[in-house]
Amino acid sequence: MMGFLFGCTNEMVVVQAPVEVFEKPFPKQYAGTTNQVIETLQKGQEVRVLGSEYGKDFLAYKVRLADGRVGYLIAGDEFKIIKK
């Protein structure tokens, strides 16, 4: 079961190394399911955080991409969260 923490935030993701943005709020291979990559962000890119979700073994950030699409980043070393 995942916990949902969505709402307006003043947080941004700053990408530090290439990172995949997923279609759904879980890692690429999770519980027998495959998640699609919808974009790969590059170092220096910033995207708005819309909220976050906690899974059993991960934290996913819901983000809005530059073209308006919404996707999910899985917490890791590839990005940092900053207040704007």
PDB file of N, CA and C in Angstrom:
ATOM      1  N   MET A   1       0.840  -1.181   0.000  1.00  0.00           N
ATOM      2  CA  MET A   1       0.000   0.000   0.000  1.00  0.00           C
ATOM      3  C   MET A   1       0.881   1.239   0.000  1.00  0.00           C
ATOM      4  N   MET A   2       0.505   2.235  -0.782  1.00  0.00           N
ATOM      5  CA  MET A   2       1.301   3.443  -0.889  1.00  0.00           C
ATOM      6  C   MET A   2       0.587   4.582  -0.178  1.00  0.00           C
ATOM      7  N   GLY A   3       1.385   5.472   0.421  1.00  0.00           N
ATOM      8  CA  GLY A   3       0.841   6.659   1.052  1.00  0.00           C
ATOM      9  C   GLY A   3       0.919   7.813   0.078  1.00  0.00           C
ATOM     10  N   PHE A   4      -0.139   8.596  -0.019  1.00  0.00           N
ATOM     11  CA  PHE A   4      -0.190   9.697  -0.964  1.00  0.00           C
ATOM     12  C   PHE A   4      -0.041  11.019  -0.238  1.00  0.00           C
ATOM     13  N   LEU A   5       0.853  11.859  -0.728  1.00  0.00           N
ATOM     14  CA  LEU A   5       1.072  13.179  -0.160  1.00  0.00           C
ATOM     15  C   LEU A   5       1.075  14.199  -1.283  1.00  0.00           C
ATOM     16  N   PHE A   6      -0.073  14.382  -1.949  1.00  0.00           N
ATOM     17  CA  PHE A   6      -0.118  15.306  -3.072  1.00  0.00           C
ATOM     18  C   PHE A   6      -0.717  16.631  -2.648  1.00  0.00           C
ATOM     19  N   GLY A   7      -0.304  17.664  -3.323  1.00  0.00           N
ATOM     20  CA  GLY A   7      -0.796  19.003  -3.074  1.00  0.00           C
ATOM     21  C   GLY A   7       0.173  19.988  -3.694  1.00  0.00           C
ATOM     22  N   CYS A   8      -0.119  21.247  -3.575  1.00  0.00           N
ATOM     23  CA  CYS A   8       0.772  22.267  -4.116  1.00  0.00           C
ATOM     24  C   CYS A   8       2.021  22.356  -3.247  1.00  0.00           C
ATOM     25  N   THR A   9       3.165  22.413  -3.881  1.00  0.00           N
ATOM     26  CA  THR A   9       4.410  22.579  -3.145  1.00  0.00           C
ATOM     27  C   THR A   9       5.187  23.714  -3.778  1.00  0.00           C
ATOM     28  N   ASN A  10       6.175  24.193  -3.074  1.00  0.00           N
ATOM     29  CA  ASN A  10       7.080  25.196  -3.630  1.00  0.00           C
ATOM     30  C   ASN A  10       8.446  24.567  -3.832  1.00  0.00           C
ATOM     31  N   GLU A  11       8.458  23.282  -4.134  1.00  0.00           N
ATOM     32  CA  GLU A  11       9.697  22.551  -4.297  1.00  0.00           C
ATOM     33  C   GLU A  11       9.974  22.275  -5.771  1.00  0.00           C
ATOM     34  N   MET A  12      11.256  22.230  -6.095  1.00  0.00           N
ATOM     35  CA  MET A  12      11.719  21.902  -7.437  1.00  0.00           C
ATOM     36  C   MET A  12      12.724  20.761  -7.332  1.00  0.00           C
ATOM     37  N   VAL A  13      12.775  19.942  -8.367  1.00  0.00           N
ATOM     38  CA  VAL A  13      13.814  18.932  -8.511  1.00  0.00           C
ATOM     39  C   VAL A  13      14.902  19.555  -9.370  1.00  0.00           C
ATOM     40  N   VAL A  14      16.145  19.467  -8.909  1.00  0.00           N
ATOM     41  CA  VAL A  14      17.298  19.870  -9.702  1.00  0.00           C
ATOM     42  C   VAL A  14      18.072  18.598 -10.030  1.00  0.00           C
ATOM     43  N   VAL A  15      18.192  18.298 -11.314  1.00  0.00           N
ATOM     44  CA  VAL A  15      18.820  17.060 -11.765  1.00  0.00           C
ATOM     45  C   VAL A  15      20.342  17.195 -11.711  1.00  0.00           C
ATOM     46  N   GLN A  16      20.995  16.202 -11.110  1.00  0.00           N
ATOM     47  CA  GLN A  16      22.448  16.200 -10.967  1.00  0.00           C
ATOM     48  C   GLN A  16      23.130  15.231 -11.926  1.00  0.00           C
ATOM     49  N   ALA A  17      22.400  14.268 -12.437  1.00  0.00           N
ATOM     50  CA  ALA A  17      22.882  13.296 -13.422  1.00  0.00           C
ATOM     51  C   ALA A  17      21.633  12.792 -14.148  1.00  0.00           C
ATOM     52  N   PRO A  18      21.764  12.243 -15.352  1.00  0.00           N
ATOM     53  CA  PRO A  18      20.574  11.779 -16.069  1.00  0.00           C
ATOM     54  C   PRO A  18      19.681  10.900 -15.175  1.00  0.00           C
ATOM     55  N   VAL A  19      18.385  11.178 -15.229  1.00  0.00           N
ATOM     56  CA  VAL A  19      17.428  10.449 -14.393  1.00  0.00           C
ATOM     57  C   VAL A  19      16.165  10.174 -15.211  1.00  0.00           C
ATOM     58  N   GLU A  20      15.629   8.973 -15.060  1.00  0.00           N
ATOM     59  CA  GLU A  20      14.431   8.577 -15.793  1.00  0.00           C
ATOM     60  C   GLU A  20      13.178   9.055 -15.081  1.00  0.00           C
ATOM     61  N   VAL A  21      12.223   9.524 -15.874  1.00  0.00           N
ATOM     62  CA  VAL A  21      10.903   9.915 -15.376  1.00  0.00           C
ATOM     63  C   VAL A  21       9.949   8.800 -15.787  1.00  0.00           C
ATOM     64  N   PHE A  22       9.201   8.281 -14.818  1.00  0.00           N
ATOM     65  CA  PHE A  22       8.321   7.139 -15.060  1.00  0.00           C
ATOM     66  C   PHE A  22       6.865   7.555 -15.189  1.00  0.00           C
ATOM     67  N   GLU A  23       6.114   6.703 -15.866  1.00  0.00           N
ATOM     68  CA  GLU A  23       4.686   6.911 -16.079  1.00  0.00           C
ATOM     69  C   GLU A  23       3.882   6.734 -14.777  1.00  0.00           C
ATOM     70  N   LYS A  24       4.317   5.792 -13.931  1.00  0.00           N
ATOM     71  CA  LYS A  24       3.590   5.463 -12.703  1.00  0.00           C
ATOM     72  C   LYS A  24       4.502   5.661 -11.489  1.00  0.00           C
ATOM     73  N   PRO A  25       3.911   5.778 -10.291  1.00  0.00           N
ATOM     74  CA  PRO A  25       4.706   6.095  -9.087  1.00  0.00           C
ATOM     75  C   PRO A  25       5.393   4.903  -8.418  1.00  0.00           C
ATOM     76  N   PHE A  26       6.188   4.150  -9.204  1.00  0.00           N
ATOM     77  CA  PHE A  26       6.980   3.077  -8.633  1.00  0.00           C
ATOM     78  C   PHE A  26       8.190   2.814  -9.530  1.00  0.00           C
ATOM     79  N   PRO A  27       9.213   2.118  -9.011  1.00  0.00           N
ATOM     80  CA  PRO A  27      10.424   1.857  -9.796  1.00  0.00           C
ATOM     81  C   PRO A  27      10.142   1.087 -11.084  1.00  0.00           C
ATOM     82  N   LYS A  28      11.135   1.059 -11.961  1.00  0.00           N
ATOM     83  CA  LYS A  28      11.014   0.436 -13.288  1.00  0.00           C
ATOM     84  C   LYS A  28      10.503  -0.999 -13.210  1.00  0.00           C
ATOM     85  N   GLN A  29      11.056  -1.805 -12.333  1.00  0.00           N
ATOM     86  CA  GLN A  29      10.600  -3.177 -12.097  1.00  0.00           C
ATOM     87  C   GLN A  29      10.131  -3.251 -10.655  1.00  0.00           C
ATOM     88  N   TYR A  30       8.835  -3.423 -10.430  1.00  0.00           N
ATOM     89  CA  TYR A  30       8.314  -3.435  -9.068  1.00  0.00           C
ATOM     90  C   TYR A  30       7.133  -4.384  -8.968  1.00  0.00           C
ATOM     91  N   ALA A  31       7.225  -5.324  -8.043  1.00  0.00           N
ATOM     92  CA  ALA A  31       6.133  -6.262  -7.751  1.00  0.00           C
ATOM     93  C   ALA A  31       5.582  -6.917  -9.020  1.00  0.00           C
ATOM     94  N   GLY A  32       6.491  -7.350  -9.904  1.00  0.00           N
ATOM     95  CA  GLY A  32       6.067  -8.049 -11.110  1.00  0.00           C
ATOM     96  C   GLY A  32       5.491  -7.162 -12.192  1.00  0.00           C
ATOM     97  N   THR A  33       5.604  -5.847 -12.045  1.00  0.00           N
ATOM     98  CA  THR A  33       5.066  -4.897 -13.011  1.00  0.00           C
ATOM     99  C   THR A  33       6.202  -4.101 -13.642  1.00  0.00           C
ATOM    100  N   THR A  34       6.063  -3.768 -14.908  1.00  0.00           N
ATOM    101  CA  THR A  34       7.050  -2.939 -15.592  1.00  0.00           C
ATOM    102  C   THR A  34       6.485  -1.531 -15.750  1.00  0.00           C
ATOM    103  N   ASN A  35       7.288  -0.541 -15.428  1.00  0.00           N
ATOM    104  CA  ASN A  35       6.892   0.861 -15.512  1.00  0.00           C
ATOM    105  C   ASN A  35       7.572   1.486 -16.722  1.00  0.00           C
ATOM    106  N   GLN A  36       6.848   2.275 -17.492  1.00  0.00           N
ATOM    107  CA  GLN A  36       7.380   2.898 -18.699  1.00  0.00           C
ATOM    108  C   GLN A  36       8.123   4.191 -18.378  1.00  0.00           C
ATOM    109  N   VAL A  37       9.266   4.392 -19.032  1.00  0.00           N
ATOM    110  CA  VAL A  37      10.005   5.652 -18.946  1.00  0.00           C
ATOM    111  C   VAL A  37       9.379   6.606 -19.954  1.00  0.00           C
ATOM    112  N   ILE A  38       8.966   7.803 -19.491  1.00  0.00           N
ATOM    113  CA  ILE A  38       8.355   8.761 -20.413  1.00  0.00           C
ATOM    114  C   ILE A  38       9.334   9.857 -20.842  1.00  0.00           C
ATOM    115  N   GLU A  39      10.415  10.021 -20.099  1.00  0.00           N
ATOM    116  CA  GLU A  39      11.437  11.000 -20.465  1.00  0.00           C
ATOM    117  C   GLU A  39      12.671  10.751 -19.603  1.00  0.00           C
ATOM    118  N   THR A  40      13.818  11.200 -20.100  1.00  0.00           N
ATOM    119  CA  THR A  40      15.040  11.185 -19.310  1.00  0.00           C
ATOM    120  C   THR A  40      15.492  12.628 -19.144  1.00  0.00           C
ATOM    121  N   LEU A  41      15.566  13.081 -17.894  1.00  0.00           N
ATOM    122  CA  LEU A  41      16.021  14.441 -17.612  1.00  0.00           C
ATOM    123  C   LEU A  41      17.540  14.456 -17.549  1.00  0.00           C
ATOM    124  N   GLN A  42      18.121  15.567 -17.974  1.00  0.00           N
ATOM    125  CA  GLN A  42      19.571  15.714 -18.017  1.00  0.00           C
ATOM    126  C   GLN A  42      20.062  16.649 -16.918  1.00  0.00           C
ATOM    127  N   LYS A  43      21.339  16.558 -16.612  1.00  0.00           N
ATOM    128  CA  LYS A  43      21.967  17.386 -15.578  1.00  0.00           C
ATOM    129  C   LYS A  43      21.627  18.862 -15.799  1.00  0.00           C
ATOM    130  N   GLY A  44      21.216  19.520 -14.703  1.00  0.00           N
ATOM    131  CA  GLY A  44      20.894  20.939 -14.742  1.00  0.00           C
ATOM    132  C   GLY A  44      19.425  21.246 -14.974  1.00  0.00           C
ATOM    133  N   GLN A  45      18.655  20.297 -15.467  1.00  0.00           N
ATOM    134  CA  GLN A  45      17.229  20.540 -15.671  1.00  0.00           C
ATOM    135  C   GLN A  45      16.524  20.656 -14.325  1.00  0.00           C
ATOM    136  N   GLU A  46      15.441  21.443 -14.310  1.00  0.00           N
ATOM    137  CA  GLU A  46      14.604  21.587 -13.123  1.00  0.00           C
ATOM    138  C   GLU A  46      13.163  21.305 -13.496  1.00  0.00           C
ATOM    139  N   VAL A  47      12.446  20.619 -12.606  1.00  0.00           N
ATOM    140  CA  VAL A  47      11.014  20.365 -12.781  1.00  0.00           C
ATOM    141  C   VAL A  47      10.306  20.600 -11.454  1.00  0.00           C
ATOM    142  N   ARG A  48       9.058  21.003 -11.511  1.00  0.00           N
ATOM    143  CA  ARG A  48       8.253  21.301 -10.326  1.00  0.00           C
ATOM    144  C   ARG A  48       7.770  20.025  -9.665  1.00  0.00           C
ATOM    145  N   VAL A  49       7.878  19.964  -8.338  1.00  0.00           N
ATOM    146  CA  VAL A  49       7.351  18.841  -7.557  1.00  0.00           C
ATOM    147  C   VAL A  49       5.876  19.119  -7.277  1.00  0.00           C
ATOM    148  N   LEU A  50       5.021  18.156  -7.602  1.00  0.00           N
ATOM    149  CA  LEU A  50       3.589  18.270  -7.346  1.00  0.00           C
ATOM    150  C   LEU A  50       3.178  17.545  -6.065  1.00  0.00           C
ATOM    151  N   GLY A  51       4.003  16.608  -5.633  1.00  0.00           N
ATOM    152  CA  GLY A  51       3.707  15.836  -4.436  1.00  0.00           C
ATOM    153  C   GLY A  51       4.636  14.641  -4.353  1.00  0.00           C
ATOM    154  N   SER A  52       4.372  13.767  -3.392  1.00  0.00           N
ATOM    155  CA  SER A  52       5.201  12.575  -3.241  1.00  0.00           C
ATOM    156  C   SER A  52       4.355  11.406  -2.759  1.00  0.00           C
ATOM    157  N   GLU A  53       4.864  10.212  -3.002  1.00  0.00           N
ATOM    158  CA  GLU A  53       4.204   8.976  -2.579  1.00  0.00           C
ATOM    159  C   GLU A  53       5.249   8.051  -1.987  1.00  0.00           C
ATOM    160  N   TYR A  54       4.905   7.435  -0.888  1.00  0.00           N
ATOM    161  CA  TYR A  54       5.785   6.443  -0.270  1.00  0.00           C
ATOM    162  C   TYR A  54       5.272   5.054  -0.612  1.00  0.00           C
ATOM    163  N   GLY A  55       6.172   4.237  -1.149  1.00  0.00           N
ATOM    164  CA  GLY A  55       5.877   2.828  -1.376  1.00  0.00           C
ATOM    165  C   GLY A  55       6.551   2.028  -0.277  1.00  0.00           C
ATOM    166  N   LYS A  56       6.485   0.726  -0.388  1.00  0.00           N
ATOM    167  CA  LYS A  56       7.093  -0.135   0.627  1.00  0.00           C
ATOM    168  C   LYS A  56       8.595   0.110   0.753  1.00  0.00           C
ATOM    169  N   ASP A  57       9.286   0.220  -0.374  1.00  0.00           N
ATOM    170  CA  ASP A  57      10.739   0.344  -0.369  1.00  0.00           C
ATOM    171  C   ASP A  57      11.244   1.552  -1.134  1.00  0.00           C
ATOM    172  N   PHE A  58      10.405   2.554  -1.366  1.00  0.00           N
ATOM    173  CA  PHE A  58      10.828   3.680  -2.192  1.00  0.00           C
ATOM    174  C   PHE A  58       9.980   4.924  -1.908  1.00  0.00           C
ATOM    175  N   LEU A  59      10.482   6.040  -2.399  1.00  0.00           N
ATOM    176  CA  LEU A  59       9.772   7.322  -2.355  1.00  0.00           C
ATOM    177  C   LEU A  59       9.705   7.830  -3.784  1.00  0.00           C
ATOM    178  N   ALA A  60       8.510   8.160  -4.266  1.00  0.00           N
ATOM    179  CA  ALA A  60       8.334   8.684  -5.621  1.00  0.00           C
ATOM    180  C   ALA A  60       7.872  10.132  -5.542  1.00  0.00           C
ATOM    181  N   TYR A  61       8.457  10.979  -6.388  1.00  0.00           N
ATOM    182  CA  TYR A  61       8.041  12.381  -6.482  1.00  0.00           C
ATOM    183  C   TYR A  61       7.239  12.564  -7.761  1.00  0.00           C
ATOM    184  N   LYS A  62       6.040  13.116  -7.624  1.00  0.00           N
ATOM    185  CA  LYS A  62       5.219  13.453  -8.785  1.00  0.00           C
ATOM    186  C   LYS A  62       5.704  14.805  -9.287  1.00  0.00           C
ATOM    187  N   VAL A  63       6.038  14.890 -10.584  1.00  0.00           N
ATOM    188  CA  VAL A  63       6.606  16.119 -11.143  1.00  0.00           C
ATOM    189  C   VAL A  63       5.880  16.516 -12.420  1.00  0.00           C
ATOM    190  N   ARG A  64       5.940  17.824 -12.730  1.00  0.00           N
ATOM    191  CA  ARG A  64       5.402  18.330 -13.991  1.00  0.00           C
ATOM    192  C   ARG A  64       6.578  18.641 -14.905  1.00  0.00           C
ATOM    193  N   LEU A  65       6.581  18.030 -16.083  1.00  0.00           N
ATOM    194  CA  LEU A  65       7.645  18.240 -17.055  1.00  0.00           C
ATOM    195  C   LEU A  65       7.422  19.550 -17.813  1.00  0.00           C
ATOM    196  N   ALA A  66       8.435  20.008 -18.524  1.00  0.00           N
ATOM    197  CA  ALA A  66       8.371  21.281 -19.243  1.00  0.00           C
ATOM    198  C   ALA A  66       7.235  21.323 -20.263  1.00  0.00           C
ATOM    199  N   ASP A  67       6.883  20.182 -20.849  1.00  0.00           N
ATOM    200  CA  ASP A  67       5.810  20.149 -21.851  1.00  0.00           C
ATOM    201  C   ASP A  67       4.427  19.938 -21.231  1.00  0.00           C
ATOM    202  N   GLY A  68       4.347  19.945 -19.892  1.00  0.00           N
ATOM    203  CA  GLY A  68       3.065  19.819 -19.206  1.00  0.00           C
ATOM    204  C   GLY A  68       2.704  18.415 -18.759  1.00  0.00           C
ATOM    205  N   ARG A  69       3.406  17.413 -19.271  1.00  0.00           N
ATOM    206  CA  ARG A  69       3.107  16.048 -18.836  1.00  0.00           C
ATOM    207  C   ARG A  69       3.473  15.873 -17.366  1.00  0.00           C
ATOM    208  N   VAL A  70       2.850  14.895 -16.739  1.00  0.00           N
ATOM    209  CA  VAL A  70       3.138  14.566 -15.343  1.00  0.00           C
ATOM    210  C   VAL A  70       3.780  13.190 -15.311  1.00  0.00           C
ATOM    211  N   GLY A  71       4.820  13.050 -14.486  1.00  0.00           N
ATOM    212  CA  GLY A  71       5.498  11.779 -14.335  1.00  0.00           C
ATOM    213  C   GLY A  71       6.045  11.643 -12.931  1.00  0.00           C
ATOM    214  N   TYR A  72       6.836  10.603 -12.706  1.00  0.00           N
ATOM    215  CA  TYR A  72       7.336  10.300 -11.369  1.00  0.00           C
ATOM    216  C   TYR A  72       8.834  10.034 -11.388  1.00  0.00           C
ATOM    217  N   LEU A  73       9.520  10.584 -10.412  1.00  0.00           N
ATOM    218  CA  LEU A  73      10.929  10.322 -10.172  1.00  0.00           C
ATOM    219  C   LEU A  73      11.042   9.484  -8.909  1.00  0.00           C
ATOM    220  N   ILE A  74      11.908   8.501  -8.923  1.00  0.00           N
ATOM    221  CA  ILE A  74      12.143   7.673  -7.743  1.00  0.00           C
ATOM    222  C   ILE A  74      13.337   8.264  -7.001  1.00  0.00           C
ATOM    223  N   ALA A  75      13.169   8.504  -5.713  1.00  0.00           N
ATOM    224  CA  ALA A  75      14.226   9.131  -4.903  1.00  0.00           C
ATOM    225  C   ALA A  75      15.525   8.358  -5.032  1.00  0.00           C
ATOM    226  N   GLY A  76      16.608   9.112  -5.190  1.00  0.00           N
ATOM    227  CA  GLY A  76      17.935   8.536  -5.332  1.00  0.00           C
ATOM    228  C   GLY A  76      18.970   9.639  -5.361  1.00  0.00           C
ATOM    229  N   ASP A  77      20.149   9.317  -5.819  1.00  0.00           N
ATOM    230  CA  ASP A  77      21.248  10.274  -5.822  1.00  0.00           C
ATOM    231  C   ASP A  77      21.286  11.156  -7.066  1.00  0.00           C
ATOM    232  N   GLU A  78      20.420  10.945  -8.049  1.00  0.00           N
ATOM    233  CA  GLU A  78      20.490  11.648  -9.322  1.00  0.00           C
ATOM    234  C   GLU A  78      19.913  13.060  -9.284  1.00  0.00           C
ATOM    235  N   PHE A  79      19.201  13.415  -8.213  1.00  0.00           N
ATOM    236  CA  PHE A  79      18.605  14.745  -8.138  1.00  0.00           C
ATOM    237  C   PHE A  79      18.493  15.185  -6.684  1.00  0.00           C
ATOM    238  N   LYS A  80      18.261  16.482  -6.525  1.00  0.00           N
ATOM    239  CA  LYS A  80      18.007  16.997  -5.179  1.00  0.00           C
ATOM    240  C   LYS A  80      16.753  17.852  -5.229  1.00  0.00           C
ATOM    241  N   ILE A  81      16.123  18.010  -4.084  1.00  0.00           N
ATOM    242  CA  ILE A  81      14.915  18.809  -3.952  1.00  0.00           C
ATOM    243  C   ILE A  81      15.295  20.130  -3.315  1.00  0.00           C
ATOM    244  N   ILE A  82      14.852  21.241  -3.925  1.00  0.00           N
ATOM    245  CA  ILE A  82      15.114  22.563  -3.359  1.00  0.00           C
ATOM    246  C   ILE A  82      13.810  23.327  -3.225  1.00  0.00           C
ATOM    247  N   LYS A  83      13.786  24.296  -2.328  1.00  0.00           N
ATOM    248  CA  LYS A  83      12.622  25.178  -2.155  1.00  0.00           C
ATOM    249  C   LYS A  83      12.773  26.354  -3.121  1.00  0.00           C
ATOM    250  N   LYS A  84      11.690  26.751  -3.739  1.00  0.00           N
ATOM    251  CA  LYS A  84      11.689  27.919  -4.641  1.00  0.00           C
ATOM    252  C   LYS A  84      10.620  28.884  -4.220  1.00  0.00           C
TER     253      LYS A  84
END
